[in-house]
Protein backbone atom coordinates (compact mmCIF):
# COMPACT_ATOMS: atom_id res chain seq x y z
CA MET A 1 16.13 -3.03 51.77
CA THR A 2 19.46 -4.55 52.79
CA PHE A 3 22.19 -6.53 51.09
CA PRO A 4 24.44 -9.10 52.73
CA SER A 5 27.63 -7.69 51.25
CA LYS A 6 28.71 -4.34 49.88
CA LYS A 7 26.10 -2.14 48.23
CA PRO A 8 25.73 -2.79 44.50
CA ARG A 9 27.47 -0.30 42.22
CA ILE A 10 25.28 1.41 39.62
CA VAL A 11 25.29 4.11 36.96
CA PHE A 12 22.14 6.23 36.73
CA MET A 13 21.07 7.89 33.46
CA GLY A 14 18.32 10.52 33.20
CA SER A 15 17.59 14.17 32.58
CA PRO A 16 14.16 15.64 33.41
CA GLU A 17 12.31 16.09 36.68
CA PHE A 18 10.56 12.75 36.10
CA ALA A 19 13.86 10.93 36.80
CA VAL A 20 14.80 12.80 39.98
CA PRO A 21 12.63 10.90 42.52
CA ALA A 22 14.08 7.59 41.33
CA LEU A 23 17.64 8.89 41.71
CA GLU A 24 16.88 10.24 45.17
CA ALA A 25 15.38 6.88 46.18
CA LEU A 26 18.56 5.07 45.12
CA ILE A 27 20.62 7.56 47.12
CA ARG A 28 18.44 7.03 50.20
CA GLU A 29 18.89 3.26 49.88
CA ARG A 30 22.64 3.90 49.92
CA TYR A 31 23.41 2.32 46.58
CA ASP A 32 26.96 2.95 45.39
CA ILE A 33 26.23 5.39 42.56
CA ALA A 34 29.40 5.39 40.50
CA CYS A 35 28.20 8.12 38.14
CA VAL A 36 25.19 10.03 36.90
CA ILE A 37 24.85 10.49 33.13
CA THR A 38 22.70 13.37 31.88
CA VAL A 39 22.33 15.77 28.95
CA ALA A 40 24.65 18.68 28.33
CA ASP A 41 23.66 22.07 29.76
CA LYS A 42 21.46 24.02 27.33
CA PRO A 43 20.87 27.76 26.77
CA ALA A 44 17.47 28.83 28.10
CA GLY A 45 15.45 31.98 28.70
CA ARG A 46 15.94 35.46 27.32
CA GLY A 47 19.51 35.67 28.57
CA ARG A 48 20.31 32.27 26.98
CA ARG A 49 22.11 31.22 30.13
CA LEU A 50 23.12 27.60 30.37
CA LYS A 51 20.54 25.54 32.25
CA GLU A 52 21.34 22.29 34.00
CA SER A 53 19.01 19.30 33.78
CA ALA A 54 16.97 18.46 36.88
CA VAL A 55 18.98 15.27 37.28
CA LYS A 56 22.28 17.14 37.18
CA GLN A 57 21.05 19.55 39.85
CA CYS A 58 20.12 16.58 42.05
CA ALA A 59 23.45 14.86 41.43
CA ARG A 60 25.42 18.00 42.30
CA LYS A 61 23.42 18.42 45.51
CA HIS A 62 24.56 14.93 46.55
CA ASN A 63 28.16 15.38 45.31
CA LEU A 64 27.88 12.59 42.75
CA ASN A 65 30.19 12.08 39.81
CA ILE A 66 28.55 13.49 36.62
CA LEU A 67 29.17 12.88 32.93
CA GLN A 68 27.41 14.82 30.14
CA PRO A 69 28.36 13.17 26.85
CA ILE A 70 27.41 14.75 23.54
CA ASN A 71 27.98 11.54 21.60
CA LEU A 72 27.00 8.31 23.35
CA LYS A 73 29.07 6.33 20.86
CA ASP A 74 32.26 8.24 21.64
CA ALA A 75 35.04 5.74 22.39
CA GLN A 76 36.44 7.76 25.28
CA PHE A 77 33.01 8.01 26.93
CA ILE A 78 32.44 4.26 26.57
CA GLU A 79 35.85 3.54 28.04
CA SER A 80 35.06 5.86 30.96
CA LEU A 81 31.89 3.87 31.63
CA LYS A 82 33.79 0.58 31.61
CA GLU A 83 36.33 1.93 34.07
CA LEU A 84 33.56 2.64 36.59
CA ASN A 85 33.08 -1.13 37.07
CA ALA A 86 29.35 -0.70 37.70
CA GLU A 87 27.23 -3.82 38.05
CA LEU A 88 24.00 -2.29 36.71
CA PHE A 89 22.91 0.71 34.63
CA ILE A 90 19.51 2.30 35.39
CA VAL A 91 17.82 4.58 32.84
CA VAL A 92 14.90 6.92 33.53
CA ALA A 93 13.84 9.37 30.81
CA PHE A 94 17.12 9.60 28.93
CA ARG A 95 18.19 8.94 25.34
CA MET A 96 18.32 5.79 23.25
CA LEU A 97 21.53 3.99 24.21
CA PRO A 98 23.83 2.21 21.76
CA GLU A 99 24.56 -1.45 22.42
CA ASP A 100 28.17 -0.56 23.25
CA VAL A 101 26.76 1.23 26.30
CA TRP A 102 23.83 -0.84 27.56
CA SER A 103 25.77 -4.10 27.23
CA ILE A 104 28.59 -2.99 29.57
CA PRO A 105 27.36 -3.96 33.07
CA PRO A 106 27.18 -7.65 34.03
CA PHE A 107 23.59 -7.30 35.34
CA GLY A 108 22.51 -5.40 32.24
CA THR A 109 20.70 -2.08 31.82
CA PHE A 110 17.07 -1.52 32.73
CA ASN A 111 14.77 1.35 31.82
CA LEU A 112 11.73 2.79 33.57
CA HIS A 113 9.07 3.45 30.91
CA ALA A 114 5.86 5.43 31.46
CA SER A 115 3.39 2.93 30.02
CA LEU A 116 2.29 -0.67 30.37
CA LEU A 117 4.51 -2.17 27.70
CA PRO A 118 4.10 -3.25 24.97
CA LYS A 119 1.51 -0.45 24.79
CA TYR A 120 2.87 2.98 23.91
CA ARG A 121 6.42 2.25 22.96
CA GLY A 122 8.23 5.42 21.97
CA ALA A 123 9.06 8.98 22.98
CA ALA A 124 5.75 10.34 24.34
CA PRO A 125 3.80 7.58 26.11
CA ILE A 126 2.05 9.83 28.64
CA HIS A 127 0.87 12.30 25.99
CA TRP A 128 -0.58 9.59 23.78
CA THR A 129 -2.22 7.83 26.71
CA ILE A 130 -4.28 10.97 27.37
CA ILE A 131 -4.78 11.88 23.69
CA ASN A 132 -6.22 8.44 23.01
CA GLY A 133 -8.51 8.58 26.03
CA GLU A 134 -7.08 5.59 27.87
CA THR A 135 -8.55 4.82 31.29
CA LYS A 136 -5.51 2.88 32.50
CA SER A 137 -1.80 3.65 32.43
CA GLY A 138 1.22 2.68 34.48
CA LEU A 139 4.96 2.06 34.55
CA THR A 140 7.13 -0.78 33.28
CA THR A 141 10.75 -1.66 33.94
CA PHE A 142 12.46 -3.62 31.18
CA LEU A 143 15.92 -4.66 30.02
CA LEU A 144 17.31 -2.75 27.07
CA ASP A 145 17.92 -4.50 23.78
CA ARG A 146 18.64 -3.41 20.21
CA LYS A 147 15.20 -1.92 19.46
CA ILE A 148 13.27 0.86 21.17
CA ASP A 149 11.24 -0.28 24.20
CA THR A 150 11.10 -3.92 23.12
CA GLY A 151 13.24 -5.64 25.76
CA GLY A 152 12.04 -8.20 28.28
CA THR A 153 9.79 -6.67 30.93
CA LEU A 154 10.67 -6.99 34.62
CA LEU A 155 7.98 -5.32 36.74
CA LYS A 156 4.84 -3.27 36.11
CA VAL A 157 2.52 -1.10 38.16
CA GLU A 158 -0.93 -0.11 36.90
CA HIS A 159 -2.52 3.28 37.48
CA ASN A 160 -6.06 4.49 36.74
CA VAL A 161 -6.39 7.61 34.60
CA GLU A 162 -9.02 9.90 36.09
CA PRO A 163 -11.52 11.55 33.71
CA GLY A 164 -10.37 15.00 32.68
CA SER A 165 -6.72 14.28 33.42
CA THR A 166 -4.09 16.24 31.54
CA THR A 167 -0.68 14.92 30.57
CA GLY A 168 0.76 17.10 33.35
CA ARG A 169 -1.42 15.45 35.97
CA LEU A 170 -0.65 11.91 34.81
CA TYR A 171 3.06 12.78 34.56
CA ASN A 172 3.11 13.81 38.23
CA GLU A 173 1.15 10.76 39.34
CA LEU A 174 3.43 8.32 37.51
CA MET A 175 6.53 10.19 38.70
CA GLY A 176 5.42 9.45 42.24
CA LEU A 177 5.15 5.72 41.49
CA GLY A 178 8.57 5.45 39.84
CA PRO A 179 10.94 5.28 42.81
CA GLU A 180 9.41 2.18 44.40
CA LEU A 181 9.33 0.34 41.09
CA VAL A 182 12.97 1.20 40.39
CA LEU A 183 14.02 0.00 43.85
CA ARG A 184 12.04 -3.22 43.57
CA THR A 185 13.52 -3.88 40.14
CA ALA A 186 17.11 -3.26 41.21
CA LYS A 187 16.68 -5.46 44.28
CA GLY A 188 15.11 -8.26 42.23
CA ILE A 189 17.89 -8.14 39.66
CA PHE A 190 20.68 -8.31 42.23
CA GLU A 191 18.96 -11.05 44.21
CA GLY A 192 18.19 -13.05 41.06
CA THR A 193 14.45 -13.17 41.69
CA LEU A 194 13.41 -11.30 38.51
CA LYS A 195 13.35 -12.90 35.08
CA PRO A 196 12.55 -10.82 31.98
CA MET A 197 9.34 -11.67 30.13
CA LEU A 198 9.14 -11.36 26.36
CA GLN A 199 6.81 -8.66 25.04
CA ASP A 200 4.03 -9.63 22.65
CA ASP A 201 4.61 -7.50 19.57
CA ASN A 202 1.03 -8.19 18.43
CA GLU A 203 -0.21 -6.11 21.37
CA ALA A 204 2.22 -3.22 20.77
CA SER A 205 1.15 0.36 20.18
CA TYR A 206 3.30 3.41 19.63
CA ALA A 207 3.78 6.88 21.07
CA PRO A 208 5.67 8.86 18.42
CA LYS A 209 7.55 12.07 19.08
CA LEU A 210 5.37 15.18 19.07
CA ASN A 211 5.76 17.76 16.31
CA LYS A 212 3.92 20.72 14.76
CA ASN A 213 1.75 18.44 12.66
CA ASN A 214 0.47 16.02 15.29
CA THR A 215 -0.06 18.80 17.87
CA ARG A 216 -2.33 20.82 15.54
CA LEU A 217 -5.97 20.36 16.44
CA ASP A 218 -7.32 17.50 14.36
CA LEU A 219 -10.76 18.67 13.32
CA SER A 220 -11.56 15.26 11.86
CA LYS A 221 -11.92 14.06 15.46
CA LYS A 222 -15.27 13.91 17.23
CA PRO A 223 -15.77 16.46 20.04
CA GLY A 224 -14.86 14.01 22.83
CA GLU A 225 -11.70 13.01 20.97
CA LEU A 226 -10.80 16.64 20.35
CA VAL A 227 -11.08 17.34 24.09
CA GLN A 228 -8.66 14.47 24.75
CA GLN A 229 -6.17 15.87 22.24
CA ILE A 230 -6.24 19.22 24.04
CA LEU A 231 -5.82 17.61 27.47
CA GLY A 232 -3.08 15.32 26.17
CA LEU A 233 -0.96 18.24 25.00
CA ASN A 234 -1.27 20.18 28.27
CA PRO A 235 0.98 21.59 29.69
CA SER A 236 3.38 21.14 26.78
CA PRO A 237 3.68 21.49 23.84
CA LYS A 238 -0.01 22.62 23.77
CA ALA A 239 -2.58 21.96 21.05
CA HIS A 240 -2.58 24.72 18.44
CA TYR A 241 -4.81 25.98 15.64
CA GLY A 242 -5.30 29.29 13.87
CA GLY A 243 -2.89 31.35 15.95
CA PHE A 244 -4.17 30.03 19.27
CA LYS A 245 -3.07 27.36 21.72
CA PHE A 246 -5.70 25.42 23.65
CA LEU A 247 -4.97 24.09 27.14
CA LEU A 248 -8.20 23.02 28.83
CA SER A 249 -11.44 21.90 27.24
CA GLY A 250 -14.53 19.84 27.96
CA GLU A 251 -17.48 18.25 26.22
CA THR A 252 -20.75 20.17 25.97
CA ASN A 253 -24.40 19.52 25.15
CA GLN A 254 -24.41 22.73 23.11
CA GLN A 255 -23.56 21.46 19.64
CA TYR A 256 -23.35 24.08 16.88
CA PRO A 257 -21.58 22.52 13.88
CA ARG A 258 -20.08 24.96 11.36
CA LYS A 259 -18.41 24.41 8.02
CA LYS A 260 -15.40 26.47 9.10
CA PRO A 261 -14.06 26.52 12.68
CA VAL A 262 -14.81 29.52 14.88
CA LEU A 263 -14.54 30.57 18.50
CA SER A 264 -18.03 31.45 19.76
CA VAL A 265 -19.27 33.14 22.91
CA ARG A 266 -22.58 31.86 24.23
CA GLU A 267 -24.01 32.75 27.64
CA GLY A 268 -20.62 34.01 28.83
CA ARG A 269 -18.83 30.78 27.87
CA LEU A 270 -16.30 30.09 25.13
CA PHE A 271 -16.77 27.35 22.55
CA LEU A 272 -14.88 26.00 19.58
CA ASP A 273 -17.44 25.17 16.89
CA TYR A 274 -16.37 23.12 13.87
CA SER A 275 -17.79 20.72 11.30
CA LEU A 276 -18.42 17.82 13.72
CA GLY A 277 -19.83 19.84 16.62
CA SER A 278 -18.58 21.91 19.54
CA VAL A 279 -16.29 21.73 22.58
CA GLU A 280 -16.10 24.19 25.45
CA ILE A 281 -12.76 25.97 25.95
CA TYR A 282 -11.68 26.76 29.52
CA GLU A 283 -8.11 27.97 28.92
CA ILE A 284 -6.64 29.50 25.77
CA GLN A 285 -3.42 31.24 24.74
CA PRO A 286 -3.50 33.78 21.89
CA SER A 287 -0.30 34.04 19.87
CA GLY A 288 2.33 36.10 21.71
CA LYS A 289 0.27 36.36 24.90
CA LYS A 290 -0.06 34.54 28.20
CA VAL A 291 -2.46 31.72 28.96
CA MET A 292 -5.94 33.07 29.76
CA HIS A 293 -9.03 31.67 31.40
CA ALA A 294 -12.00 31.74 29.04
CA LYS A 295 -13.69 34.60 30.89
CA SER A 296 -10.62 36.84 30.59
CA PHE A 297 -10.35 36.03 26.90
CA ILE A 298 -14.05 36.78 26.35
CA ASN A 299 -13.69 40.16 28.10
CA GLY A 300 -11.16 41.21 25.49
CA LEU A 301 -13.23 40.16 22.51
CA LYS A 302 -15.16 42.65 20.39
CA VAL A 303 -17.12 39.98 18.49
CA ALA A 304 -19.21 36.98 19.54
CA VAL A 305 -17.87 34.80 16.73
CA LEU A 306 -14.17 34.74 15.84
CA PRO A 307 -13.08 32.78 12.74
CA LEU A 308 -9.99 30.61 13.18
């Protein structure tokens, strides 16, 4: 990928590991990265030591200029961005930007989103893709506008979701597809070959932020749907119910509906039985303990049926 004149000047915004491969790809292509914007360092672990975001660690490794604003609407921060004279802002897994920020560069600001927009607009598209049992996912680049994930789309890449996939697996697969899409989008914008396409709001679906309520096992779901909820919340924040967290599960022909949910041991295997049937549990985490395989959990049980 070459340009006839000087390399375009960009600002990159992102925080988690998901954004790192895209930043590294831009560095390899020798873009002029004026600055990297990421979250402030946060206390973590027992010692509550400050932890840097994955993007900050990458930026420091490459000696890039870094800004960590607390308030994205702060006048001094916005003025600092303007002074960088960047032609394009690129966002991968960051925060919602105010218009005073995304409207700064002459080529606009584009975001890499982990769904095929307009499906799964919102904070947790990969989680809800798995929870809802989708067979297809992908990535979309789009230009930011005043609403969340509604701007004109630029490029998309589709990706099949394999049966039994967890959110962690799909996250890693999509992370690997991100760099090429970001590079293709940036190149197309600077060369004028990409035109944004309006999203059809009638086809939109949403991926709301996860919380204690929507990560609790929903026992109104059928067994297959309950399995997808468990897989969709693995590895984090994990599906929970009755003092346990559930990480891996599968459908079973052994259906033993019960009025009240229980964990049951049958033929050396662990099952969650509830009003609509049963699912097999492969990995579980009791409150205050580490994640266990079902066999290890069963070995510590003194009863064959444990009420939840």
